[in-house]
Amino acid sequence: MTQDGRCAVLEIKDVTPEDKGNYTCQVGNTETTATVSVKGLLLYTQSHFTCINVYKLISSLENVKAEEESHVTLGCELSKSVASVQWRKNQQPLRANKKYEIKQDGCLLQLVIKDLKPEDSGSYSCHTGGAETVFTYTQSVFTELPLVFNVQLHDVVAKSDSTASLSCELSKPGISVQWKKNRQPLRANKKYDIKQNGLNHQLLIKDLKPEDSGSYTCQAGSAETTATLSVKGRN
């Protein structure tokens, strides 16, 4: 057995039929396996094994943590340059596009996953010939950006018989909210008009009366914003 830099070599001498079988080169948790077949007097005089060295850009063979909407890079370094590689997600081939950037610089192979979403979770692997290194992404890996109100509710003073508008803005679109008055849930009806447009949420309170005064809250998950409505007489 010899080693020259990144290349590890096992030379099997005076091969006989008994030498046939599976041979494995293992480095830590990384390994590669090949089969030696012996036919007749001599078919193979030696067998060379190329071992994979994982390039630790973010993580090696471990779950990778990344925030939603960020980019993440998976990479591995082979013991010698190869002509082509294939990246896969859950064993399905990936192609370079706006979502995936595939890089190769000699022995260094990289996959850049852009604009991360929870659905990008999965098992990513790099395949080249008989060599394979796998990076695992699981759903629990992703840490989503917290849901917050970018624009809070503001206190409103309005006159009786008019319409009051309470509005706020969330950090993510398509989120359902619950409007409340004095901590009691409200439903859309002739009195309350509930609107949503992208990030914006609005509550319209019609035909105002003094009893409509109170504390109004817009709640989305654990995030909420509260403001006070004060209804004054018409004079």
C-alpha atoms as a PDB file:
ATOM      1  CA  MET A   1       0.000   0.000   0.000  1.00  0.00           C
ATOM      2  CA  THR A   2       1.300   3.426  -0.959  1.00  0.00           C
ATOM      3  CA  GLN A   3       0.054   6.994  -0.727  1.00  0.00           C
ATOM      4  CA  ASP A   4       1.163   9.941  -2.812  1.00  0.00           C
ATOM      5  CA  GLY A   5      -0.583  13.135  -1.778  1.00  0.00           C
ATOM      6  CA  ARG A   6      -4.284  12.562  -2.307  1.00  0.00           C
ATOM      7  CA  CYS A   7      -3.849   9.279  -4.161  1.00  0.00           C
ATOM      8  CA  ALA A   8      -3.919   6.018  -2.199  1.00  0.00           C
ATOM      9  CA  VAL A   9      -2.882   2.851  -4.028  1.00  0.00           C
ATOM     10  CA  LEU A  10      -3.280  -0.809  -3.107  1.00  0.00           C
ATOM     11  CA  GLU A  11      -1.194  -3.145  -5.263  1.00  0.00           C
ATOM     12  CA  ILE A  12      -2.178  -6.811  -5.255  1.00  0.00           C
ATOM     13  CA  LYS A  13       0.764  -8.934  -6.356  1.00  0.00           C
ATOM     14  CA  ASP A  14       0.886 -12.479  -7.734  1.00  0.00           C
ATOM     15  CA  VAL A  15      -2.866 -12.473  -8.226  1.00  0.00           C
ATOM     16  CA  THR A  16      -4.663 -15.797  -7.789  1.00  0.00           C
ATOM     17  CA  PRO A  17      -8.391 -16.676  -7.979  1.00  0.00           C
ATOM     18  CA  GLU A  18      -8.538 -16.398  -4.182  1.00  0.00           C
ATOM     19  CA  ASP A  19      -7.790 -12.677  -4.475  1.00  0.00           C
ATOM     20  CA  LYS A  20     -11.082 -11.868  -6.161  1.00  0.00           C
ATOM     21  CA  GLY A  21     -13.662  -9.951  -4.122  1.00  0.00           C
ATOM     22  CA  ASN A  22     -14.656  -6.471  -2.965  1.00  0.00           C
ATOM     23  CA  TYR A  23     -11.917  -4.104  -1.830  1.00  0.00           C
ATOM     24  CA  THR A  24     -12.680  -0.922   0.123  1.00  0.00           C
ATOM     25  CA  CYS A  25     -10.632   2.179   0.842  1.00  0.00           C
ATOM     26  CA  GLN A  26     -11.969   3.975   3.927  1.00  0.00           C
ATOM     27  CA  VAL A  27     -11.081   7.409   5.300  1.00  0.00           C
ATOM     28  CA  GLY A  28     -13.127   8.283   8.377  1.00  0.00           C
ATOM     29  CA  ASN A  29     -16.776   8.021   7.379  1.00  0.00           C
ATOM     30  CA  THR A  30     -15.932   8.163   3.655  1.00  0.00           C
ATOM     31  CA  GLU A  31     -15.279   5.044   1.649  1.00  0.00           C
ATOM     32  CA  THR A  32     -15.165   3.723  -1.917  1.00  0.00           C
ATOM     33  CA  THR A  33     -15.438   0.103  -3.034  1.00  0.00           C
ATOM     34  CA  ALA A  34     -14.395  -1.800  -6.177  1.00  0.00           C
ATOM     35  CA  THR A  35     -14.508  -5.435  -7.263  1.00  0.00           C
ATOM     36  CA  VAL A  36     -11.508  -7.432  -8.428  1.00  0.00           C
ATOM     37  CA  SER A  37     -12.290 -10.371 -10.715  1.00  0.00           C
ATOM     38  CA  VAL A  38      -9.604 -12.943 -11.518  1.00  0.00           C
ATOM     39  CA  LYS A  39      -9.998 -15.053 -14.653  1.00  0.00           C
ATOM     40  CA  GLY A  40      -7.525 -17.585 -16.028  1.00  0.00           C
ATOM     41  CA  LEU A  41      -3.936 -17.175 -14.996  1.00  0.00           C
ATOM     42  CA  LEU A  42      -3.953 -13.388 -14.793  1.00  0.00           C
ATOM     43  CA  LEU A  43      -6.375 -10.641 -15.713  1.00  0.00           C
ATOM     44  CA  TYR A  44      -5.511  -7.841 -13.318  1.00  0.00           C
ATOM     45  CA  THR A  45      -1.993  -7.317 -12.073  1.00  0.00           C
ATOM     46  CA  GLN A  46      -3.031  -4.557  -9.698  1.00  0.00           C
ATOM     47  CA  SER A  47      -6.099  -2.634  -8.594  1.00  0.00           C
ATOM     48  CA  HIS A  48      -6.086   1.123  -7.899  1.00  0.00           C
ATOM     49  CA  PHE A  49      -8.564   2.773  -5.588  1.00  0.00           C
ATOM     50  CA  THR A  50      -9.334   6.462  -5.600  1.00  0.00           C
ATOM     51  CA  CYS A  51     -10.478   7.768  -2.235  1.00  0.00           C
ATOM     52  CA  ILE A  52     -12.686  10.788  -1.795  1.00  0.00           C
ATOM     53  CA  ASN A  53     -11.668  13.707   0.376  1.00  0.00           C
ATOM     54  CA  VAL A  54     -14.664  15.798   1.429  1.00  0.00           C
ATOM     55  CA  TYR A  55     -14.094  19.520   0.961  1.00  0.00           C
ATOM     56  CA  LYS A  56     -15.469  21.209   4.079  1.00  0.00           C
ATOM     57  CA  LEU A  57     -16.970  24.414   2.799  1.00  0.00           C
ATOM     58  CA  ILE A  58     -20.044  24.266   5.036  1.00  0.00           C
ATOM     59  CA  SER A  59     -20.271  20.719   6.318  1.00  0.00           C
ATOM     60  CA  SER A  60     -19.063  17.264   5.397  1.00  0.00           C
ATOM     61  CA  LEU A  61     -21.520  14.410   5.385  1.00  0.00           C
ATOM     62  CA  GLU A  62     -23.583  16.137   8.054  1.00  0.00           C
ATOM     63  CA  ASN A  63     -26.821  18.085   8.092  1.00  0.00           C
ATOM     64  CA  VAL A  64     -26.367  21.623   6.841  1.00  0.00           C
ATOM     65  CA  LYS A  65     -28.162  24.547   8.455  1.00  0.00           C
ATOM     66  CA  ALA A  66     -29.188  27.479   6.308  1.00  0.00           C
ATOM     67  CA  GLU A  67     -31.663  30.327   6.589  1.00  0.00           C
ATOM     68  CA  GLU A  68     -34.557  30.680   4.213  1.00  0.00           C
ATOM     69  CA  GLU A  69     -33.913  33.009   1.242  1.00  0.00           C
ATOM     70  CA  SER A  70     -30.139  32.628   1.640  1.00  0.00           C
ATOM     71  CA  HIS A  71     -27.703  30.649  -0.536  1.00  0.00           C
ATOM     72  CA  VAL A  72     -25.853  27.510   0.492  1.00  0.00           C
ATOM     73  CA  THR A  73     -22.885  25.744  -1.119  1.00  0.00           C
ATOM     74  CA  LEU A  74     -22.220  22.005  -1.041  1.00  0.00           C
ATOM     75  CA  GLY A  75     -18.791  20.870  -2.134  1.00  0.00           C
ATOM     76  CA  CYS A  76     -16.471  17.900  -2.383  1.00  0.00           C
ATOM     77  CA  GLU A  77     -12.904  17.401  -3.547  1.00  0.00           C
ATOM     78  CA  LEU A  78     -11.895  14.307  -5.474  1.00  0.00           C
ATOM     79  CA  SER A  79      -8.433  12.827  -5.535  1.00  0.00           C
ATOM     80  CA  LYS A  80      -8.136  13.632  -9.240  1.00  0.00           C
ATOM     81  CA  SER A  81      -9.932  15.739 -11.809  1.00  0.00           C
ATOM     82  CA  VAL A  82     -12.869  14.155 -13.640  1.00  0.00           C
ATOM     83  CA  ALA A  83     -14.481  14.988 -16.960  1.00  0.00           C
ATOM     84  CA  SER A  84     -18.045  15.257 -15.711  1.00  0.00           C
ATOM     85  CA  VAL A  85     -20.117  14.996 -12.568  1.00  0.00           C
ATOM     86  CA  GLN A  86     -23.814  14.833 -11.793  1.00  0.00           C
ATOM     87  CA  TRP A  87     -25.521  16.409  -8.804  1.00  0.00           C
ATOM     88  CA  ARG A  88     -28.791  14.909  -7.620  1.00  0.00           C
ATOM     89  CA  LYS A  89     -31.546  15.798  -5.187  1.00  0.00           C
ATOM     90  CA  ASN A  90     -33.314  12.791  -3.703  1.00  0.00           C
ATOM     91  CA  GLN A  91     -31.650  10.755  -6.478  1.00  0.00           C
ATOM     92  CA  GLN A  92     -33.157  12.977  -9.199  1.00  0.00           C
ATOM     93  CA  PRO A  93     -30.624  14.661 -11.538  1.00  0.00           C
ATOM     94  CA  LEU A  94     -30.190  18.429 -11.263  1.00  0.00           C
ATOM     95  CA  ARG A  95     -29.414  20.857 -14.059  1.00  0.00           C
ATOM     96  CA  ALA A  96     -27.756  24.231 -13.865  1.00  0.00           C
ATOM     97  CA  ASN A  97     -30.353  27.026 -13.863  1.00  0.00           C
ATOM     98  CA  LYS A  98     -31.402  30.052 -11.810  1.00  0.00           C
ATOM     99  CA  LYS A  99     -31.883  27.772  -8.797  1.00  0.00           C
ATOM    100  CA  TYR A 100     -28.735  25.669  -9.062  1.00  0.00           C
ATOM    101  CA  GLU A 101     -25.223  26.751  -9.973  1.00  0.00           C
ATOM    102  CA  ILE A 102     -22.866  23.862 -10.702  1.00  0.00           C
ATOM    103  CA  LYS A 103     -19.149  24.610 -10.454  1.00  0.00           C
ATOM    104  CA  GLN A 104     -16.059  22.561 -11.178  1.00  0.00           C
ATOM    105  CA  ASP A 105     -12.495  23.730 -10.653  1.00  0.00           C
ATOM    106  CA  GLY A 106     -10.146  20.831 -11.174  1.00  0.00           C
ATOM    107  CA  CYS A 107     -10.767  18.419  -8.310  1.00  0.00           C
ATOM    108  CA  LEU A 108     -13.136  20.771  -6.525  1.00  0.00           C
ATOM    109  CA  LEU A 109     -16.855  20.231  -7.213  1.00  0.00           C
ATOM    110  CA  GLN A 110     -19.529  22.586  -5.889  1.00  0.00           C
ATOM    111  CA  LEU A 111     -23.294  22.966  -6.003  1.00  0.00           C
ATOM    112  CA  VAL A 112     -24.758  26.353  -5.055  1.00  0.00           C
ATOM    113  CA  ILE A 113     -28.449  26.301  -4.091  1.00  0.00           C
ATOM    114  CA  LYS A 114     -29.941  29.776  -4.316  1.00  0.00           C
ATOM    115  CA  ASP A 115     -32.887  31.526  -2.672  1.00  0.00           C
ATOM    116  CA  LEU A 116     -33.522  28.678  -0.221  1.00  0.00           C
ATOM    117  CA  LYS A 117     -37.071  27.583   0.536  1.00  0.00           C
ATOM    118  CA  PRO A 118     -38.265  24.833   2.906  1.00  0.00           C
ATOM    119  CA  GLU A 119     -39.051  22.663  -0.120  1.00  0.00           C
ATOM    120  CA  ASP A 120     -35.327  22.651  -0.976  1.00  0.00           C
ATOM    121  CA  SER A 121     -34.809  20.269   1.937  1.00  0.00           C
ATOM    122  CA  GLY A 122     -33.738  16.794   0.890  1.00  0.00           C
ATOM    123  CA  SER A 123     -30.740  14.575   0.218  1.00  0.00           C
ATOM    124  CA  TYR A 124     -28.173  16.006  -2.187  1.00  0.00           C
ATOM    125  CA  SER A 125     -25.444  13.847  -3.705  1.00  0.00           C
ATOM    126  CA  CYS A 126     -22.557  14.242  -6.125  1.00  0.00           C
ATOM    127  CA  HIS A 127     -21.895  11.362  -8.534  1.00  0.00           C
ATOM    128  CA  THR A 128     -18.880  10.803 -10.757  1.00  0.00           C
ATOM    129  CA  GLY A 129     -18.138   7.394 -12.168  1.00  0.00           C
ATOM    130  CA  GLY A 130     -17.842   4.980  -9.267  1.00  0.00           C
ATOM    131  CA  ALA A 131     -17.178   7.721  -6.748  1.00  0.00           C
ATOM    132  CA  GLU A 132     -20.046   9.231  -4.761  1.00  0.00           C
ATOM    133  CA  THR A 133     -20.221  11.546  -1.813  1.00  0.00           C
ATOM    134  CA  VAL A 134     -23.524  12.433  -0.179  1.00  0.00           C
ATOM    135  CA  PHE A 135     -24.508  15.594   1.711  1.00  0.00           C
ATOM    136  CA  THR A 136     -27.714  15.237   3.692  1.00  0.00           C
ATOM    137  CA  TYR A 137     -30.333  17.982   3.887  1.00  0.00           C
ATOM    138  CA  THR A 138     -33.377  17.204   5.980  1.00  0.00           C
ATOM    139  CA  GLN A 139     -36.534  19.273   6.539  1.00  0.00           C
ATOM    140  CA  SER A 140     -35.489  20.012  10.092  1.00  0.00           C
ATOM    141  CA  VAL A 141     -32.280  21.599   8.829  1.00  0.00           C
ATOM    142  CA  PHE A 142     -33.875  24.791   7.567  1.00  0.00           C
ATOM    143  CA  THR A 143     -34.407  27.678   9.914  1.00  0.00           C
ATOM    144  CA  GLU A 144     -37.118  29.852   8.392  1.00  0.00           C
ATOM    145  CA  LEU A 145     -36.962  33.586   8.776  1.00  0.00           C
ATOM    146  CA  PRO A 146     -39.245  34.615  11.650  1.00  0.00           C
ATOM    147  CA  LEU A 147     -42.662  36.013  10.774  1.00  0.00           C
ATOM    148  CA  VAL A 148     -42.860  39.641  11.851  1.00  0.00           C
ATOM    149  CA  PHE A 149     -44.929  42.737  11.206  1.00  0.00           C
ATOM    150  CA  ASN A 150     -42.889  45.141   9.098  1.00  0.00           C
ATOM    151  CA  VAL A 151     -45.552  47.804   9.607  1.00  0.00           C
ATOM    152  CA  GLN A 152     -47.421  47.888  12.920  1.00  0.00           C
ATOM    153  CA  LEU A 153     -50.995  48.984  13.596  1.00  0.00           C
ATOM    154  CA  HIS A 154     -51.384  52.619  14.648  1.00  0.00           C
ATOM    155  CA  ASP A 155     -53.919  54.152  17.020  1.00  0.00           C
ATOM    156  CA  VAL A 156     -56.918  55.688  15.277  1.00  0.00           C
ATOM    157  CA  VAL A 157     -59.362  58.381  16.361  1.00  0.00           C
ATOM    158  CA  ALA A 158     -62.576  58.506  14.309  1.00  0.00           C
ATOM    159  CA  LYS A 159     -66.030  60.060  14.440  1.00  0.00           C
ATOM    160  CA  SER A 160     -69.313  58.229  14.978  1.00  0.00           C
ATOM    161  CA  ASP A 161     -71.088  56.950  11.835  1.00  0.00           C
ATOM    162  CA  SER A 162     -67.820  57.004   9.848  1.00  0.00           C
ATOM    163  CA  THR A 163     -65.528  54.131   8.840  1.00  0.00           C
ATOM    164  CA  ALA A 164     -62.212  53.406  10.560  1.00  0.00           C
ATOM    165  CA  SER A 165     -59.312  51.641   8.854  1.00  0.00           C
ATOM    166  CA  LEU A 166     -56.648  49.639  10.660  1.00  0.00           C
ATOM    167  CA  SER A 167     -53.806  48.306   8.508  1.00  0.00           C
ATOM    168  CA  CYS A 168     -50.484  46.514   8.942  1.00  0.00           C
ATOM    169  CA  GLU A 169     -47.877  44.700   6.860  1.00  0.00           C
ATOM    170  CA  LEU A 170     -46.359  41.230   7.386  1.00  0.00           C
ATOM    171  CA  SER A 171     -42.890  40.081   6.341  1.00  0.00           C
ATOM    172  CA  LYS A 172     -44.280  37.204   4.239  1.00  0.00           C
ATOM    173  CA  PRO A 173     -47.175  37.012   1.765  1.00  0.00           C
ATOM    174  CA  GLY A 174     -49.998  34.496   1.817  1.00  0.00           C
ATOM    175  CA  ILE A 175     -50.264  34.329   5.613  1.00  0.00           C
ATOM    176  CA  SER A 176     -53.695  34.069   7.246  1.00  0.00           C
ATOM    177  CA  VAL A 177     -54.305  36.432  10.147  1.00  0.00           C
ATOM    178  CA  GLN A 178     -56.830  36.691  12.953  1.00  0.00           C
ATOM    179  CA  TRP A 179     -58.308  40.058  13.841  1.00  0.00           C
ATOM    180  CA  LYS A 180     -59.468  40.595  17.421  1.00  0.00           C
ATOM    181  CA  LYS A 181     -61.205  43.260  19.446  1.00  0.00           C
ATOM    182  CA  ASN A 182     -60.301  43.292  23.134  1.00  0.00           C
ATOM    183  CA  ARG A 183     -58.764  39.830  22.545  1.00  0.00           C
ATOM    184  CA  GLN A 184     -62.027  38.438  21.125  1.00  0.00           C
ATOM    185  CA  PRO A 185     -61.916  37.074  17.532  1.00  0.00           C
ATOM    186  CA  LEU A 186     -63.710  39.027  14.802  1.00  0.00           C
ATOM    187  CA  ARG A 187     -65.391  37.710  11.676  1.00  0.00           C
ATOM    188  CA  ALA A 188     -66.096  39.460   8.395  1.00  0.00           C
ATOM    189  CA  ASN A 189     -69.677  40.763   8.260  1.00  0.00           C
ATOM    190  CA  LYS A 190     -71.596  43.970   7.641  1.00  0.00           C
ATOM    191  CA  LYS A 191     -69.706  45.588  10.477  1.00  0.00           C
ATOM    192  CA  TYR A 192     -66.219  44.354   9.706  1.00  0.00           C
ATOM    193  CA  ASP A 193     -64.589  44.178   6.289  1.00  0.00           C
ATOM    194  CA  ILE A 194     -61.365  42.112   6.347  1.00  0.00           C
ATOM    195  CA  LYS A 195     -58.975  42.537   3.419  1.00  0.00           C
ATOM    196  CA  GLN A 196     -55.644  41.048   2.396  1.00  0.00           C
ATOM    197  CA  ASN A 197     -53.400  42.096  -0.484  1.00  0.00           C
ATOM    198  CA  GLY A 198     -49.988  40.435  -0.551  1.00  0.00           C
ATOM    199  CA  LEU A 199     -48.178  41.551   2.591  1.00  0.00           C
ATOM    200  CA  ASN A 200     -50.860  44.063   3.543  1.00  0.00           C
ATOM    201  CA  HIS A 201     -53.744  43.322   5.924  1.00  0.00           C
ATOM    202  CA  GLN A 202     -56.603  45.713   6.601  1.00  0.00           C
ATOM    203  CA  LEU A 203     -59.627  45.835   8.878  1.00  0.00           C
ATOM    204  CA  LEU A 204     -62.438  48.280   8.041  1.00  0.00           C
ATOM    205  CA  ILE A 205     -64.897  49.035  10.844  1.00  0.00           C
ATOM    206  CA  LYS A 206     -68.083  50.558   9.444  1.00  0.00           C
ATOM    207  CA  ASP A 207     -70.846  52.731  10.878  1.00  0.00           C
ATOM    208  CA  LEU A 208     -68.809  53.536  13.954  1.00  0.00           C
ATOM    209  CA  LYS A 209     -70.446  53.791  17.374  1.00  0.00           C
ATOM    210  CA  PRO A 210     -68.869  54.663  20.739  1.00  0.00           C
ATOM    211  CA  GLU A 211     -69.012  50.990  21.700  1.00  0.00           C
ATOM    212  CA  ASP A 212     -66.613  50.215  18.823  1.00  0.00           C
ATOM    213  CA  SER A 213     -63.854  51.887  20.812  1.00  0.00           C
ATOM    214  CA  GLY A 214     -61.300  49.437  22.135  1.00  0.00           C
ATOM    215  CA  SER A 215     -58.105  47.536  21.505  1.00  0.00           C
ATOM    216  CA  TYR A 216     -57.749  45.856  18.090  1.00  0.00           C
ATOM    217  CA  THR A 217     -55.154  43.187  17.329  1.00  0.00           C
ATOM    218  CA  CYS A 218     -53.931  41.524  14.145  1.00  0.00           C
ATOM    219  CA  GLN A 219     -52.363  38.138  14.925  1.00  0.00           C
ATOM    220  CA  ALA A 220     -50.330  35.856  12.627  1.00  0.00           C
ATOM    221  CA  GLY A 221     -48.976  32.825  14.411  1.00  0.00           C
ATOM    222  CA  SER A 222     -46.950  34.059  17.378  1.00  0.00           C
ATOM    223  CA  ALA A 223     -46.591  37.537  15.861  1.00  0.00           C
ATOM    224  CA  GLU A 224     -49.134  40.237  16.606  1.00  0.00           C
ATOM    225  CA  THR A 225     -49.632  43.981  16.550  1.00  0.00           C
ATOM    226  CA  THR A 226     -52.177  46.010  18.544  1.00  0.00           C
ATOM    227  CA  ALA A 227     -53.636  49.515  18.332  1.00  0.00           C
ATOM    228  CA  THR A 228     -56.456  51.470  19.990  1.00  0.00           C
ATOM    229  CA  LEU A 229     -59.532  52.808  18.241  1.00  0.00           C
ATOM    230  CA  SER A 230     -61.260  55.763  19.859  1.00  0.00           C
ATOM    231  CA  VAL A 231     -64.682  56.746  18.570  1.00  0.00           C
ATOM    232  CA  LYS A 232     -65.768  60.338  19.253  1.00  0.00           C
ATOM    233  CA  GLY A 233     -69.148  61.985  18.828  1.00  0.00           C
ATOM    234  CA  ARG A 234     -69.893  63.758  15.547  1.00  0.00           C
ATOM    235  CA  ASN A 235     -69.622  67.200  17.108  1.00  0.00           C
END
